[in-house]
Amino acid sequence: MARKYSRSASKDVERTMRKRKRGTLRSGRSGRKVKSRKQAVAIGLSEARRKGKKVPRKGTGRKR
């Protein structure tokens, strides 16, 4: 089975996780400090998407 995310996208997520751990990761317009792991991953993936890396589109709700 093929990879869901590209290796370079994983590196972007890894970079944002390190930033969060250092306490330098900030969110969107408000510029608040990011504390949650989930939010840090989301930021990393959206940055990778913006750069045009292989990352699937965001899901819209859960499937049953």
N, C-alpha and C. Protein backbone atom coordinates (compact mmCIF):
# COMPACT_ATOMS: atom_id res chain seq x y z
N MET A 1 0.83 -1.19 0.00
CA MET A 1 0.00 0.00 0.00
C MET A 1 0.88 1.26 0.00
N ALA A 2 0.46 2.27 -0.72
CA ALA A 2 1.22 3.52 -0.83
C ALA A 2 1.14 4.32 0.47
N ARG A 3 2.11 5.21 0.61
CA ARG A 3 2.13 6.09 1.79
C ARG A 3 0.99 7.09 1.72
N LYS A 4 0.42 7.40 2.89
CA LYS A 4 -0.68 8.38 2.94
C LYS A 4 -0.12 9.79 2.80
N TYR A 5 1.00 10.06 3.50
CA TYR A 5 1.67 11.35 3.44
C TYR A 5 3.06 11.16 2.86
N SER A 6 3.59 12.16 2.19
CA SER A 6 4.96 12.07 1.67
C SER A 6 5.94 12.17 2.83
N ARG A 7 7.16 11.72 2.61
CA ARG A 7 8.18 11.78 3.67
C ARG A 7 8.48 13.23 4.04
N SER A 8 8.49 14.10 3.04
CA SER A 8 8.78 15.51 3.32
C SER A 8 7.66 16.17 4.13
N ALA A 9 6.42 15.70 3.94
CA ALA A 9 5.31 16.22 4.74
C ALA A 9 5.49 15.79 6.20
N SER A 10 5.96 14.55 6.40
CA SER A 10 6.22 14.05 7.75
C SER A 10 7.29 14.89 8.43
N LYS A 11 8.29 15.32 7.67
CA LYS A 11 9.36 16.16 8.22
C LYS A 11 8.79 17.51 8.67
N ASP A 12 7.85 18.04 7.89
CA ASP A 12 7.22 19.32 8.26
C ASP A 12 6.47 19.19 9.58
N VAL A 13 5.76 18.08 9.74
CA VAL A 13 5.01 17.84 10.98
C VAL A 13 5.99 17.70 12.14
N GLU A 14 7.07 16.98 11.89
CA GLU A 14 8.09 16.77 12.92
C GLU A 14 8.67 18.12 13.37
N ARG A 15 8.89 19.01 12.41
CA ARG A 15 9.45 20.33 12.70
C ARG A 15 8.49 21.13 13.58
N THR A 16 7.19 21.07 13.26
CA THR A 16 6.22 21.83 14.07
C THR A 16 6.10 21.24 15.47
N MET A 17 6.23 19.91 15.59
CA MET A 17 6.16 19.29 16.91
C MET A 17 7.33 19.75 17.78
N ARG A 18 8.49 19.88 17.17
CA ARG A 18 9.66 20.36 17.92
C ARG A 18 9.46 21.81 18.37
N LYS A 19 8.89 22.61 17.47
CA LYS A 19 8.61 24.01 17.80
C LYS A 19 7.65 24.09 18.99
N ARG A 20 6.62 23.22 18.96
CA ARG A 20 5.65 23.21 20.05
C ARG A 20 6.34 22.86 21.37
N LYS A 21 7.23 21.89 21.32
CA LYS A 21 7.93 21.44 22.52
C LYS A 21 8.81 22.55 23.09
N ARG A 22 9.42 23.33 22.18
CA ARG A 22 10.25 24.46 22.62
C ARG A 22 9.40 25.63 23.12
N GLY A 23 8.12 25.64 22.70
CA GLY A 23 7.23 26.72 23.13
C GLY A 23 7.25 27.90 22.19
N THR A 24 7.70 27.67 20.94
CA THR A 24 7.78 28.78 19.99
C THR A 24 6.72 28.69 18.89
N LEU A 25 5.90 27.64 18.92
CA LEU A 25 4.87 27.47 17.89
C LEU A 25 3.66 28.35 18.22
N ARG A 26 3.24 29.15 17.24
CA ARG A 26 2.12 30.06 17.42
C ARG A 26 1.04 29.74 16.39
N SER A 27 -0.20 30.03 16.75
CA SER A 27 -1.31 29.71 15.85
C SER A 27 -1.82 30.96 15.14
N GLY A 28 -2.30 30.75 13.94
CA GLY A 28 -3.00 31.72 13.10
C GLY A 28 -2.91 33.19 13.40
N ARG A 29 -4.04 33.86 13.27
CA ARG A 29 -4.09 35.31 13.43
C ARG A 29 -3.86 35.76 14.86
N SER A 30 -4.42 35.03 15.80
CA SER A 30 -4.33 35.45 17.20
C SER A 30 -2.88 35.40 17.69
N GLY A 31 -2.10 34.47 17.15
CA GLY A 31 -0.70 34.36 17.55
C GLY A 31 -0.52 33.75 18.92
N ARG A 32 -1.57 33.03 19.37
CA ARG A 32 -1.48 32.38 20.69
C ARG A 32 -0.53 31.20 20.62
N LYS A 33 0.06 30.89 21.77
CA LYS A 33 0.97 29.76 21.85
C LYS A 33 0.18 28.45 21.75
N VAL A 34 0.68 27.52 20.92
CA VAL A 34 0.01 26.24 20.74
C VAL A 34 0.47 25.28 21.82
N LYS A 35 -0.50 24.67 22.51
CA LYS A 35 -0.16 23.75 23.59
C LYS A 35 -0.55 22.32 23.25
N SER A 36 -1.58 22.13 22.41
CA SER A 36 -2.06 20.77 22.14
C SER A 36 -1.29 20.11 21.01
N ARG A 37 -1.04 18.81 21.15
CA ARG A 37 -0.33 18.03 20.14
C ARG A 37 -1.13 17.98 18.85
N LYS A 38 -2.44 17.78 18.98
CA LYS A 38 -3.31 17.67 17.81
C LYS A 38 -3.25 18.93 16.96
N GLN A 39 -3.27 20.08 17.63
CA GLN A 39 -3.22 21.34 16.91
C GLN A 39 -1.88 21.52 16.21
N ALA A 40 -0.80 21.08 16.86
CA ALA A 40 0.53 21.18 16.26
C ALA A 40 0.62 20.33 15.00
N VAL A 41 0.06 19.12 15.04
CA VAL A 41 0.05 18.24 13.87
C VAL A 41 -0.76 18.87 12.75
N ALA A 42 -1.91 19.45 13.09
CA ALA A 42 -2.77 20.09 12.10
C ALA A 42 -2.05 21.25 11.41
N ILE A 43 -1.30 22.02 12.17
CA ILE A 43 -0.55 23.14 11.62
C ILE A 43 0.53 22.62 10.66
N GLY A 44 1.23 21.57 11.08
CA GLY A 44 2.27 20.97 10.24
C GLY A 44 1.73 20.47 8.93
N LEU A 45 0.58 19.79 8.98
CA LEU A 45 -0.03 19.25 7.76
C LEU A 45 -0.52 20.36 6.84
N SER A 46 -1.10 21.41 7.42
CA SER A 46 -1.60 22.49 6.58
C SER A 46 -0.45 23.24 5.91
N GLU A 47 0.69 23.36 6.61
CA GLU A 47 1.87 23.98 6.01
C GLU A 47 2.38 23.14 4.85
N ALA A 48 2.39 21.82 5.04
CA ALA A 48 2.83 20.90 3.98
C ALA A 48 1.90 21.00 2.78
N ARG A 49 0.59 21.11 3.04
CA ARG A 49 -0.40 21.26 1.96
C ARG A 49 -0.13 22.53 1.16
N ARG A 50 0.16 23.60 1.89
CA ARG A 50 0.42 24.88 1.24
C ARG A 50 1.64 24.81 0.33
N LYS A 51 2.64 24.01 0.75
CA LYS A 51 3.86 23.85 -0.05
C LYS A 51 3.64 22.91 -1.24
N GLY A 52 2.47 22.27 -1.27
CA GLY A 52 2.14 21.39 -2.40
C GLY A 52 2.65 19.97 -2.26
N LYS A 53 2.89 19.54 -1.03
CA LYS A 53 3.36 18.17 -0.79
C LYS A 53 2.20 17.20 -0.76
N LYS A 54 2.52 15.91 -0.82
CA LYS A 54 1.47 14.88 -0.88
C LYS A 54 0.83 14.70 0.50
N VAL A 55 -0.30 15.37 0.69
CA VAL A 55 -1.08 15.27 1.92
C VAL A 55 -2.55 15.23 1.51
N PRO A 56 -3.31 14.21 1.94
CA PRO A 56 -4.72 14.16 1.55
C PRO A 56 -5.50 15.35 2.09
N ARG A 57 -6.61 15.66 1.42
CA ARG A 57 -7.46 16.77 1.86
C ARG A 57 -8.03 16.51 3.23
N LYS A 58 -8.42 17.59 3.91
CA LYS A 58 -9.03 17.46 5.23
C LYS A 58 -10.36 16.74 5.12
N GLY A 59 -10.64 15.85 6.07
CA GLY A 59 -11.92 15.15 6.09
C GLY A 59 -13.04 16.05 6.56
N THR A 60 -14.25 15.81 6.08
CA THR A 60 -15.38 16.62 6.54
C THR A 60 -16.30 15.74 7.36
N GLY A 61 -16.01 15.61 8.61
CA GLY A 61 -16.82 14.78 9.50
C GLY A 61 -16.47 13.30 9.41
N ARG A 62 -17.09 12.51 10.25
CA ARG A 62 -16.81 11.06 10.28
C ARG A 62 -17.75 10.30 9.36
N LYS A 63 -17.24 9.23 8.80
CA LYS A 63 -18.07 8.36 7.98
C LYS A 63 -18.57 7.21 8.85
N ARG A 64 -19.76 6.74 8.55
CA ARG A 64 -20.31 5.63 9.36
C ARG A 64 -20.37 4.37 8.57
